[in-house]
Amino acid sequence: MVAPSYFVDEQVAGPFRRFRHIHEFSGGAEGTTMVDRIEFDAPFGILGRLVENLVLARYLQRLIEMRNRHLAGDFAG
């Protein structure tokens, strides 16, 4: 069996106009590396884009970084 190199979570219905979270995996001598890529568009047109640029992008980045630290701790020992 070959392990997948990525998987995607995509919002079908919800608060975002579009939300896609790509998890990419690559193996190496020191273990597996996971890279998260987030693609999203906020609702509410120009107001949503403003909030997206001022708040949402940084919030999502911090959320993913916190989740990844938690995951790394879970798998470390």
PDB file of N, CA and C in Angstrom:
ATOM      1  N   MET A   1       0.841  -1.186   0.000  1.00  0.00           N
ATOM      2  CA  MET A   1       0.000   0.000   0.000  1.00  0.00           C
ATOM      3  C   MET A   1       0.883   1.245   0.000  1.00  0.00           C
ATOM      4  N   VAL A   2       0.542   2.205  -0.821  1.00  0.00           N
ATOM      5  CA  VAL A   2       1.285   3.456  -0.910  1.00  0.00           C
ATOM      6  C   VAL A   2       0.515   4.533  -0.141  1.00  0.00           C
ATOM      7  N   ALA A   3       1.213   5.227   0.744  1.00  0.00           N
ATOM      8  CA  ALA A   3       0.586   6.301   1.518  1.00  0.00           C
ATOM      9  C   ALA A   3       0.282   7.477   0.604  1.00  0.00           C
ATOM     10  N   PRO A   4      -0.798   8.173   0.855  1.00  0.00           N
ATOM     11  CA  PRO A   4      -1.111   9.346   0.021  1.00  0.00           C
ATOM     12  C   PRO A   4      -0.095  10.463   0.252  1.00  0.00           C
ATOM     13  N   SER A   5       0.129  11.270  -0.771  1.00  0.00           N
ATOM     14  CA  SER A   5       1.049  12.395  -0.637  1.00  0.00           C
ATOM     15  C   SER A   5       0.312  13.678  -0.263  1.00  0.00           C
ATOM     16  N   TYR A   6      -1.026  13.641  -0.307  1.00  0.00           N
ATOM     17  CA  TYR A   6      -1.807  14.810   0.095  1.00  0.00           C
ATOM     18  C   TYR A   6      -3.264  14.402   0.304  1.00  0.00           C
ATOM     19  N   PHE A   7      -3.997  15.262   0.995  1.00  0.00           N
ATOM     20  CA  PHE A   7      -5.449  15.177   1.002  1.00  0.00           C
ATOM     21  C   PHE A   7      -5.994  16.585   1.162  1.00  0.00           C
ATOM     22  N   VAL A   8      -7.258  16.751   0.818  1.00  0.00           N
ATOM     23  CA  VAL A   8      -7.868  18.083   0.770  1.00  0.00           C
ATOM     24  C   VAL A   8      -9.168  18.093   1.569  1.00  0.00           C
ATOM     25  N   ASP A   9      -9.315  19.111   2.420  1.00  0.00           N
ATOM     26  CA  ASP A   9     -10.594  19.413   3.070  1.00  0.00           C
ATOM     27  C   ASP A   9     -11.169  20.606   2.322  1.00  0.00           C
ATOM     28  N   GLU A  10     -12.411  20.473   1.881  1.00  0.00           N
ATOM     29  CA  GLU A  10     -13.011  21.582   1.148  1.00  0.00           C
ATOM     30  C   GLU A  10     -14.416  21.847   1.675  1.00  0.00           C
ATOM     31  N   GLN A  11     -14.692  23.100   1.968  1.00  0.00           N
ATOM     32  CA  GLN A  11     -16.012  23.477   2.470  1.00  0.00           C
ATOM     33  C   GLN A  11     -17.045  23.296   1.373  1.00  0.00           C
ATOM     34  N   VAL A  12     -18.101  22.575   1.700  1.00  0.00           N
ATOM     35  CA  VAL A  12     -19.223  22.406   0.778  1.00  0.00           C
ATOM     36  C   VAL A  12     -20.290  23.451   1.080  1.00  0.00           C
ATOM     37  N   ALA A  13     -20.500  23.696   2.367  1.00  0.00           N
ATOM     38  CA  ALA A  13     -21.425  24.736   2.808  1.00  0.00           C
ATOM     39  C   ALA A  13     -20.868  25.290   4.111  1.00  0.00           C
ATOM     40  N   GLY A  14     -20.984  26.578   4.301  1.00  0.00           N
ATOM     41  CA  GLY A  14     -20.462  27.156   5.527  1.00  0.00           C
ATOM     42  C   GLY A  14     -20.267  28.650   5.416  1.00  0.00           C
ATOM     43  N   PRO A  15     -19.499  29.199   6.357  1.00  0.00           N
ATOM     44  CA  PRO A  15     -19.387  30.652   6.445  1.00  0.00           C
ATOM     45  C   PRO A  15     -18.532  31.302   5.357  1.00  0.00           C
ATOM     46  N   PHE A  16     -17.610  30.561   4.734  1.00  0.00           N
ATOM     47  CA  PHE A  16     -16.746  31.150   3.710  1.00  0.00           C
ATOM     48  C   PHE A  16     -17.406  31.039   2.343  1.00  0.00           C
ATOM     49  N   ARG A  17     -17.075  31.966   1.470  1.00  0.00           N
ATOM     50  CA  ARG A  17     -17.537  31.853   0.082  1.00  0.00           C
ATOM     51  C   ARG A  17     -16.833  30.665  -0.564  1.00  0.00           C
ATOM     52  N   ARG A  18     -15.550  30.473  -0.197  1.00  0.00           N
ATOM     53  CA  ARG A  18     -14.745  29.336  -0.678  1.00  0.00           C
ATOM     54  C   ARG A  18     -13.689  29.055   0.380  1.00  0.00           C
ATOM     55  N   PHE A  19     -13.496  27.764   0.710  1.00  0.00           N
ATOM     56  CA  PHE A  19     -12.471  27.382   1.669  1.00  0.00           C
ATOM     57  C   PHE A  19     -11.928  26.016   1.283  1.00  0.00           C
ATOM     58  N   ARG A  20     -10.611  25.950   1.114  1.00  0.00           N
ATOM     59  CA  ARG A  20      -9.933  24.715   0.722  1.00  0.00           C
ATOM     60  C   ARG A  20      -8.652  24.608   1.529  1.00  0.00           C
ATOM     61  N   HIS A  21      -8.457  23.459   2.209  1.00  0.00           N
ATOM     62  CA  HIS A  21      -7.280  23.226   3.042  1.00  0.00           C
ATOM     63  C   HIS A  21      -6.575  21.992   2.486  1.00  0.00           C
ATOM     64  N   ILE A  22      -5.376  22.195   1.953  1.00  0.00           N
ATOM     65  CA  ILE A  22      -4.595  21.123   1.341  1.00  0.00           C
ATOM     66  C   ILE A  22      -3.497  20.714   2.311  1.00  0.00           C
ATOM     67  N   HIS A  23      -3.416  19.418   2.595  1.00  0.00           N
ATOM     68  CA  HIS A  23      -2.381  18.857   3.468  1.00  0.00           C
ATOM     69  C   HIS A  23      -1.437  18.065   2.562  1.00  0.00           C
ATOM     70  N   GLU A  24      -0.180  18.480   2.461  1.00  0.00           N
ATOM     71  CA  GLU A  24       0.801  17.805   1.603  1.00  0.00           C
ATOM     72  C   GLU A  24       1.849  17.125   2.478  1.00  0.00           C
ATOM     73  N   PHE A  25       2.197  15.895   2.131  1.00  0.00           N
ATOM     74  CA  PHE A  25       3.165  15.121   2.900  1.00  0.00           C
ATOM     75  C   PHE A  25       4.357  14.755   2.026  1.00  0.00           C
ATOM     76  N   SER A  26       5.544  14.821   2.619  1.00  0.00           N
ATOM     77  CA  SER A  26       6.748  14.342   1.934  1.00  0.00           C
ATOM     78  C   SER A  26       7.624  13.642   2.968  1.00  0.00           C
ATOM     79  N   GLY A  27       8.222  12.555   2.551  1.00  0.00           N
ATOM     80  CA  GLY A  27       9.063  11.775   3.454  1.00  0.00           C
ATOM     81  C   GLY A  27      10.526  12.072   3.223  1.00  0.00           C
ATOM     82  N   GLY A  28      11.305  11.913   4.278  1.00  0.00           N
ATOM     83  CA  GLY A  28      12.742  12.124   4.197  1.00  0.00           C
ATOM     84  C   GLY A  28      13.432  11.286   5.239  1.00  0.00           C
ATOM     85  N   ALA A  29      14.728  11.418   5.325  1.00  0.00           N
ATOM     86  CA  ALA A  29      15.522  10.630   6.270  1.00  0.00           C
ATOM     87  C   ALA A  29      15.111  10.900   7.718  1.00  0.00           C
ATOM     88  N   GLU A  30      14.644  12.107   8.005  1.00  0.00           N
ATOM     89  CA  GLU A  30      14.300  12.453   9.379  1.00  0.00           C
ATOM     90  C   GLU A  30      12.809  12.303   9.677  1.00  0.00           C
ATOM     91  N   GLY A  31      12.038  11.783   8.745  1.00  0.00           N
ATOM     92  CA  GLY A  31      10.617  11.566   8.985  1.00  0.00           C
ATOM     93  C   GLY A  31       9.764  12.223   7.924  1.00  0.00           C
ATOM     94  N   THR A  32       8.521  12.434   8.270  1.00  0.00           N
ATOM     95  CA  THR A  32       7.545  13.004   7.341  1.00  0.00           C
ATOM     96  C   THR A  32       7.351  14.484   7.630  1.00  0.00           C
ATOM     97  N   THR A  33       7.287  15.256   6.564  1.00  0.00           N
ATOM     98  CA  THR A  33       7.000  16.682   6.669  1.00  0.00           C
ATOM     99  C   THR A  33       5.599  16.925   6.122  1.00  0.00           C
ATOM    100  N   MET A  34       4.817  17.728   6.848  1.00  0.00           N
ATOM    101  CA  MET A  34       3.487  18.095   6.389  1.00  0.00           C
ATOM    102  C   MET A  34       3.456  19.599   6.139  1.00  0.00           C
ATOM    103  N   VAL A  35       2.927  19.975   5.000  1.00  0.00           N
ATOM    104  CA  VAL A  35       2.757  21.385   4.649  1.00  0.00           C
ATOM    105  C   VAL A  35       1.263  21.625   4.458  1.00  0.00           C
ATOM    106  N   ASP A  36       0.745  22.659   5.093  1.00  0.00           N
ATOM    107  CA  ASP A  36      -0.654  23.047   4.941  1.00  0.00           C
ATOM    108  C   ASP A  36      -0.745  24.225   3.990  1.00  0.00           C
ATOM    109  N   ARG A  37      -1.698  24.154   3.094  1.00  0.00           N
ATOM    110  CA  ARG A  37      -1.978  25.277   2.203  1.00  0.00           C
ATOM    111  C   ARG A  37      -3.469  25.591   2.338  1.00  0.00           C
ATOM    112  N   ILE A  38      -3.758  26.849   2.589  1.00  0.00           N
ATOM    113  CA  ILE A  38      -5.146  27.290   2.765  1.00  0.00           C
ATOM    114  C   ILE A  38      -5.493  28.244   1.633  1.00  0.00           C
ATOM    115  N   GLU A  39      -6.609  27.982   0.990  1.00  0.00           N
ATOM    116  CA  GLU A  39      -7.152  28.871  -0.034  1.00  0.00           C
ATOM    117  C   GLU A  39      -8.560  29.233   0.425  1.00  0.00           C
ATOM    118  N   PHE A  40      -8.863  30.494   0.490  1.00  0.00           N
ATOM    119  CA  PHE A  40     -10.199  30.883   0.937  1.00  0.00           C
ATOM    120  C   PHE A  40     -10.585  32.243   0.404  1.00  0.00           C
ATOM    121  N   ASP A  41     -11.881  32.460   0.358  1.00  0.00           N
ATOM    122  CA  ASP A  41     -12.466  33.757   0.035  1.00  0.00           C
ATOM    123  C   ASP A  41     -13.558  34.004   1.058  1.00  0.00           C
ATOM    124  N   ALA A  42     -13.528  35.166   1.676  1.00  0.00           N
ATOM    125  CA  ALA A  42     -14.554  35.555   2.634  1.00  0.00           C
ATOM    126  C   ALA A  42     -15.820  35.977   1.885  1.00  0.00           C
ATOM    127  N   PRO A  43     -16.952  35.846   2.541  1.00  0.00           N
ATOM    128  CA  PRO A  43     -18.190  36.342   1.922  1.00  0.00           C
ATOM    129  C   PRO A  43     -18.280  37.868   2.030  1.00  0.00           C
ATOM    130  N   PHE A  44     -19.322  38.440   1.542  1.00  0.00           N
ATOM    131  CA  PHE A  44     -19.673  39.855   1.694  1.00  0.00           C
ATOM    132  C   PHE A  44     -18.845  40.801   0.830  1.00  0.00           C
ATOM    133  N   GLY A  45     -18.420  40.347  -0.337  1.00  0.00           N
ATOM    134  CA  GLY A  45     -17.795  41.232  -1.314  1.00  0.00           C
ATOM    135  C   GLY A  45     -16.591  42.003  -0.807  1.00  0.00           C
ATOM    136  N   ILE A  46     -16.576  43.306  -1.088  1.00  0.00           N
ATOM    137  CA  ILE A  46     -15.410  44.128  -0.747  1.00  0.00           C
ATOM    138  C   ILE A  46     -15.198  44.210   0.767  1.00  0.00           C
ATOM    139  N   LEU A  47     -16.267  44.225   1.541  1.00  0.00           N
ATOM    140  CA  LEU A  47     -16.141  44.229   3.002  1.00  0.00           C
ATOM    141  C   LEU A  47     -15.484  42.924   3.470  1.00  0.00           C
ATOM    142  N   GLY A  48     -15.892  41.812   2.886  1.00  0.00           N
ATOM    143  CA  GLY A  48     -15.284  40.523   3.215  1.00  0.00           C
ATOM    144  C   GLY A  48     -13.806  40.479   2.858  1.00  0.00           C
ATOM    145  N   ARG A  49     -13.450  41.037   1.721  1.00  0.00           N
ATOM    146  CA  ARG A  49     -12.031  41.070   1.320  1.00  0.00           C
ATOM    147  C   ARG A  49     -11.208  41.924   2.278  1.00  0.00           C
ATOM    148  N   LEU A  50     -11.783  42.999   2.754  1.00  0.00           N
ATOM    149  CA  LEU A  50     -11.106  43.849   3.726  1.00  0.00           C
ATOM    150  C   LEU A  50     -10.855  43.076   5.025  1.00  0.00           C
ATOM    151  N   VAL A  51     -11.882  42.412   5.532  1.00  0.00           N
ATOM    152  CA  VAL A  51     -11.745  41.601   6.752  1.00  0.00           C
ATOM    153  C   VAL A  51     -10.762  40.461   6.512  1.00  0.00           C
ATOM    154  N   GLU A  52     -10.826  39.861   5.341  1.00  0.00           N
ATOM    155  CA  GLU A  52      -9.909  38.783   4.960  1.00  0.00           C
ATOM    156  C   GLU A  52      -8.461  39.250   5.074  1.00  0.00           C
ATOM    157  N   ASN A  53      -8.175  40.421   4.549  1.00  0.00           N
ATOM    158  CA  ASN A  53      -6.801  40.937   4.557  1.00  0.00           C
ATOM    159  C   ASN A  53      -6.360  41.443   5.927  1.00  0.00           C
ATOM    160  N   LEU A  54      -7.281  42.030   6.687  1.00  0.00           N
ATOM    161  CA  LEU A  54      -6.918  42.602   7.979  1.00  0.00           C
ATOM    162  C   LEU A  54      -6.937  41.588   9.120  1.00  0.00           C
ATOM    163  N   VAL A  55      -7.802  40.581   9.038  1.00  0.00           N
ATOM    164  CA  VAL A  55      -8.000  39.693  10.182  1.00  0.00           C
ATOM    165  C   VAL A  55      -7.891  38.211   9.831  1.00  0.00           C
ATOM    166  N   LEU A  56      -8.686  37.760   8.886  1.00  0.00           N
ATOM    167  CA  LEU A  56      -8.827  36.323   8.643  1.00  0.00           C
ATOM    168  C   LEU A  56      -7.535  35.622   8.251  1.00  0.00           C
ATOM    169  N   ALA A  57      -6.759  36.198   7.358  1.00  0.00           N
ATOM    170  CA  ALA A  57      -5.526  35.536   6.902  1.00  0.00           C
ATOM    171  C   ALA A  57      -4.583  35.273   8.068  1.00  0.00           C
ATOM    172  N   ARG A  58      -4.370  36.272   8.925  1.00  0.00           N
ATOM    173  CA  ARG A  58      -3.486  36.074  10.088  1.00  0.00           C
ATOM    174  C   ARG A  58      -4.088  35.104  11.097  1.00  0.00           C
ATOM    175  N   TYR A  59      -5.403  35.195  11.320  1.00  0.00           N
ATOM    176  CA  TYR A  59      -6.063  34.285  12.248  1.00  0.00           C
ATOM    177  C   TYR A  59      -5.902  32.835  11.801  1.00  0.00           C
ATOM    178  N   LEU A  60      -6.162  32.573  10.517  1.00  0.00           N
ATOM    179  CA  LEU A  60      -6.038  31.210  10.005  1.00  0.00           C
ATOM    180  C   LEU A  60      -4.593  30.716  10.071  1.00  0.00           C
ATOM    181  N   GLN A  61      -3.641  31.582   9.795  1.00  0.00           N
ATOM    182  CA  GLN A  61      -2.240  31.187   9.883  1.00  0.00           C
ATOM    183  C   GLN A  61      -1.888  30.784  11.314  1.00  0.00           C
ATOM    184  N   ARG A  62      -2.277  31.596  12.290  1.00  0.00           N
ATOM    185  CA  ARG A  62      -2.007  31.258  13.702  1.00  0.00           C
ATOM    186  C   ARG A  62      -2.716  29.969  14.109  1.00  0.00           C
ATOM    187  N   LEU A  63      -3.945  29.779  13.661  1.00  0.00           N
ATOM    188  CA  LEU A  63      -4.701  28.577  13.985  1.00  0.00           C
ATOM    189  C   LEU A  63      -3.996  27.331  13.456  1.00  0.00           C
ATOM    190  N   ILE A  64      -3.552  27.368  12.216  1.00  0.00           N
ATOM    191  CA  ILE A  64      -2.862  26.218  11.619  1.00  0.00           C
ATOM    192  C   ILE A  64      -1.519  25.987  12.309  1.00  0.00           C
ATOM    193  N   GLU A  65      -0.788  27.046  12.613  1.00  0.00           N
ATOM    194  CA  GLU A  65       0.498  26.881  13.311  1.00  0.00           C
ATOM    195  C   GLU A  65       0.296  26.260  14.690  1.00  0.00           C
ATOM    196  N   MET A  66      -0.741  26.676  15.405  1.00  0.00           N
ATOM    197  CA  MET A  66      -1.030  26.115  16.731  1.00  0.00           C
ATOM    198  C   MET A  66      -1.410  24.633  16.603  1.00  0.00           C
ATOM    199  N   ARG A  67      -2.219  24.317  15.632  1.00  0.00           N
ATOM    200  CA  ARG A  67      -2.622  22.917  15.400  1.00  0.00           C
ATOM    201  C   ARG A  67      -1.407  22.066  15.061  1.00  0.00           C
ATOM    202  N   ASN A  68      -0.514  22.589  14.254  1.00  0.00           N
ATOM    203  CA  ASN A  68       0.677  21.829  13.863  1.00  0.00           C
ATOM    204  C   ASN A  68       1.616  21.613  15.042  1.00  0.00           C
ATOM    205  N   ARG A  69       1.751  22.610  15.918  1.00  0.00           N
ATOM    206  CA  ARG A  69       2.558  22.408  17.137  1.00  0.00           C
ATOM    207  C   ARG A  69       1.959  21.311  18.002  1.00  0.00           C
ATOM    208  N   HIS A  70       0.646  21.307  18.092  1.00  0.00           N
ATOM    209  CA  HIS A  70      -0.047  20.275  18.868  1.00  0.00           C
ATOM    210  C   HIS A  70       0.187  18.900  18.245  1.00  0.00           C
ATOM    211  N   LEU A  71       0.031  18.805  16.939  1.00  0.00           N
ATOM    212  CA  LEU A  71       0.268  17.528  16.243  1.00  0.00           C
ATOM    213  C   LEU A  71       1.713  17.058  16.423  1.00  0.00           C
ATOM    214  N   ALA A  72       2.665  17.968  16.287  1.00  0.00           N
ATOM    215  CA  ALA A  72       4.080  17.596  16.452  1.00  0.00           C
ATOM    216  C   ALA A  72       4.327  17.068  17.848  1.00  0.00           C
ATOM    217  N   GLY A  73       3.708  17.680  18.865  1.00  0.00           N
ATOM    218  CA  GLY A  73       3.854  17.194  20.232  1.00  0.00           C
ATOM    219  C   GLY A  73       3.246  15.823  20.428  1.00  0.00           C
ATOM    220  N   ASP A  74       2.093  15.576  19.788  1.00  0.00           N
ATOM    221  CA  ASP A  74       1.441  14.277  19.895  1.00  0.00           C
ATOM    222  C   ASP A  74       2.284  13.161  19.291  1.00  0.00           C
ATOM    223  N   PHE A  75       2.972  13.459  18.206  1.00  0.00           N
ATOM    224  CA  PHE A  75       3.760  12.428  17.515  1.00  0.00           C
ATOM    225  C   PHE A  75       5.201  12.338  18.002  1.00  0.00           C
ATOM    226  N   ALA A  76       5.630  13.284  18.822  1.00  0.00           N
ATOM    227  CA  ALA A  76       7.028  13.298  19.288  1.00  0.00           C
ATOM    228  C   ALA A  76       7.314  12.196  20.304  1.00  0.00           C
ATOM    229  N   GLY A  77       6.356  11.740  21.012  1.00  0.00           N
ATOM    230  CA  GLY A  77       6.671  10.744  22.005  1.00  0.00           C
ATOM    231  C   GLY A  77       5.508  10.044  22.450  1.00  0.00           C
TER     232      GLY A  77
END
